[in-house]
Amino acid sequence: MLTVLLDYVHIYDARATQPSAQCSAAPPRAGAQAVRCWEFNTPGDPEGWFTRESLNISNVQVAGGVLSFQVKASEPGFGFVVALAHWYGR
């Protein structure tokens, strides 16, 4: 099992003309607009991550501003990349 710790995930789009989310950090590139932010500031709230049980993800926790979880290391993309792509692609 692999343990993953994320303190935040920010998605920016250099083609967007208006931000659709408010992130705590400045964009990584001039002109990029925030389109989605996960900052894990509320204990116990994974902010919509891993609402499905089909990705071999376990031990999901949010504490101290960090999302932590475990995934089988053999899972392609460690599974959480698939979950992010699925959520963002809606």
Protein backbone atom coordinates (compact mmCIF):
# COMPACT_ATOMS: atom_id res chain seq x y z
CA MET A 1 0.00 0.00 0.00
CA LEU A 2 1.09 3.51 -0.77
CA THR A 3 0.14 6.41 1.53
CA VAL A 4 -0.58 9.71 -0.24
CA LEU A 5 -0.66 13.09 1.55
CA LEU A 6 -2.08 16.17 -0.19
CA ASP A 7 -2.19 19.58 1.47
CA TYR A 8 -3.97 21.20 -1.48
CA VAL A 9 -4.84 20.76 -5.16
CA HIS A 10 -5.40 23.80 -7.35
CA ILE A 11 -6.38 23.63 -11.02
CA TYR A 12 -5.74 26.66 -13.20
CA ASP A 13 -6.65 27.24 -16.84
CA ALA A 14 -4.58 29.66 -18.91
CA ARG A 15 -7.40 29.86 -21.49
CA ALA A 16 -10.19 30.82 -19.07
CA THR A 17 -11.23 34.47 -19.05
CA GLN A 18 -12.81 34.46 -15.57
CA PRO A 19 -11.98 32.45 -12.45
CA SER A 20 -14.61 29.93 -11.37
CA ALA A 21 -12.98 29.22 -8.00
CA GLN A 22 -11.14 31.14 -5.30
CA CYS A 23 -7.79 29.56 -4.36
CA SER A 24 -5.56 30.67 -1.52
CA ALA A 25 -2.43 30.78 -3.71
CA ALA A 26 -1.59 32.93 -6.70
CA PRO A 27 -1.74 31.29 -10.14
CA PRO A 28 1.47 29.58 -11.23
CA ARG A 29 1.42 31.54 -14.47
CA ALA A 30 0.31 35.08 -15.32
CA GLY A 31 -3.21 35.14 -16.74
CA ALA A 32 -4.18 31.67 -15.53
CA GLN A 33 -7.58 31.49 -13.83
CA ALA A 34 -8.52 29.21 -10.95
CA VAL A 35 -11.11 26.65 -12.02
CA ARG A 36 -11.11 24.35 -8.96
CA CYS A 37 -9.45 24.32 -5.54
CA TRP A 38 -9.32 21.70 -2.83
CA GLU A 39 -7.60 22.94 0.33
CA PHE A 40 -8.72 20.39 2.95
CA ASN A 41 -9.14 22.96 5.73
CA THR A 42 -12.11 21.28 7.44
CA PRO A 43 -11.24 18.19 9.50
CA GLY A 44 -13.07 15.11 8.24
CA ASP A 45 -14.21 16.77 4.97
CA PRO A 46 -12.51 15.30 1.88
CA GLU A 47 -14.30 17.96 -0.25
CA GLY A 48 -15.87 15.40 -2.58
CA TRP A 49 -12.78 13.27 -3.12
CA PHE A 50 -13.36 9.50 -3.19
CA THR A 51 -17.13 9.46 -2.90
CA ARG A 52 -17.06 6.14 -4.79
CA GLU A 53 -15.63 2.94 -3.40
CA SER A 54 -14.33 1.51 -6.68
CA LEU A 55 -10.77 2.85 -6.85
CA ASN A 56 -8.95 0.69 -4.29
CA ILE A 57 -8.64 3.73 -2.02
CA SER A 58 -8.71 3.21 1.75
CA ASN A 59 -8.16 5.05 5.03
CA VAL A 60 -9.30 8.44 3.69
CA GLN A 61 -8.78 11.12 6.35
CA VAL A 62 -8.63 14.91 6.51
CA ALA A 63 -6.81 16.44 9.48
CA GLY A 64 -4.43 19.34 9.98
CA GLY A 65 -5.13 20.70 6.49
CA VAL A 66 -4.03 17.46 4.82
CA LEU A 67 -5.97 14.82 2.88
CA SER A 68 -4.39 11.41 3.41
CA PHE A 69 -5.32 8.07 1.93
CA GLN A 70 -3.88 4.72 0.97
CA VAL A 71 -3.93 3.10 -2.46
CA LYS A 72 -2.51 -0.08 -3.92
CA ALA A 73 0.78 0.88 -5.57
CA SER A 74 -0.10 -1.35 -8.54
CA GLU A 75 -3.17 0.78 -9.39
CA PRO A 76 -2.52 2.66 -12.68
CA GLY A 77 -2.00 6.34 -11.91
CA PHE A 78 -2.33 5.38 -8.24
CA GLY A 79 -6.11 5.64 -8.70
CA PHE A 80 -6.45 9.17 -7.34
CA VAL A 81 -5.50 10.64 -10.74
CA VAL A 82 -8.44 8.73 -12.21
CA ALA A 83 -10.71 10.08 -9.46
CA LEU A 84 -9.59 13.66 -10.08
CA ALA A 85 -10.04 13.36 -13.84
CA HIS A 86 -13.51 11.86 -13.34
CA TRP A 87 -14.63 14.60 -10.95
CA TYR A 88 -13.18 17.48 -12.95
CA GLY A 89 -14.52 16.09 -16.22
CA ARG A 90 -18.16 16.32 -15.10
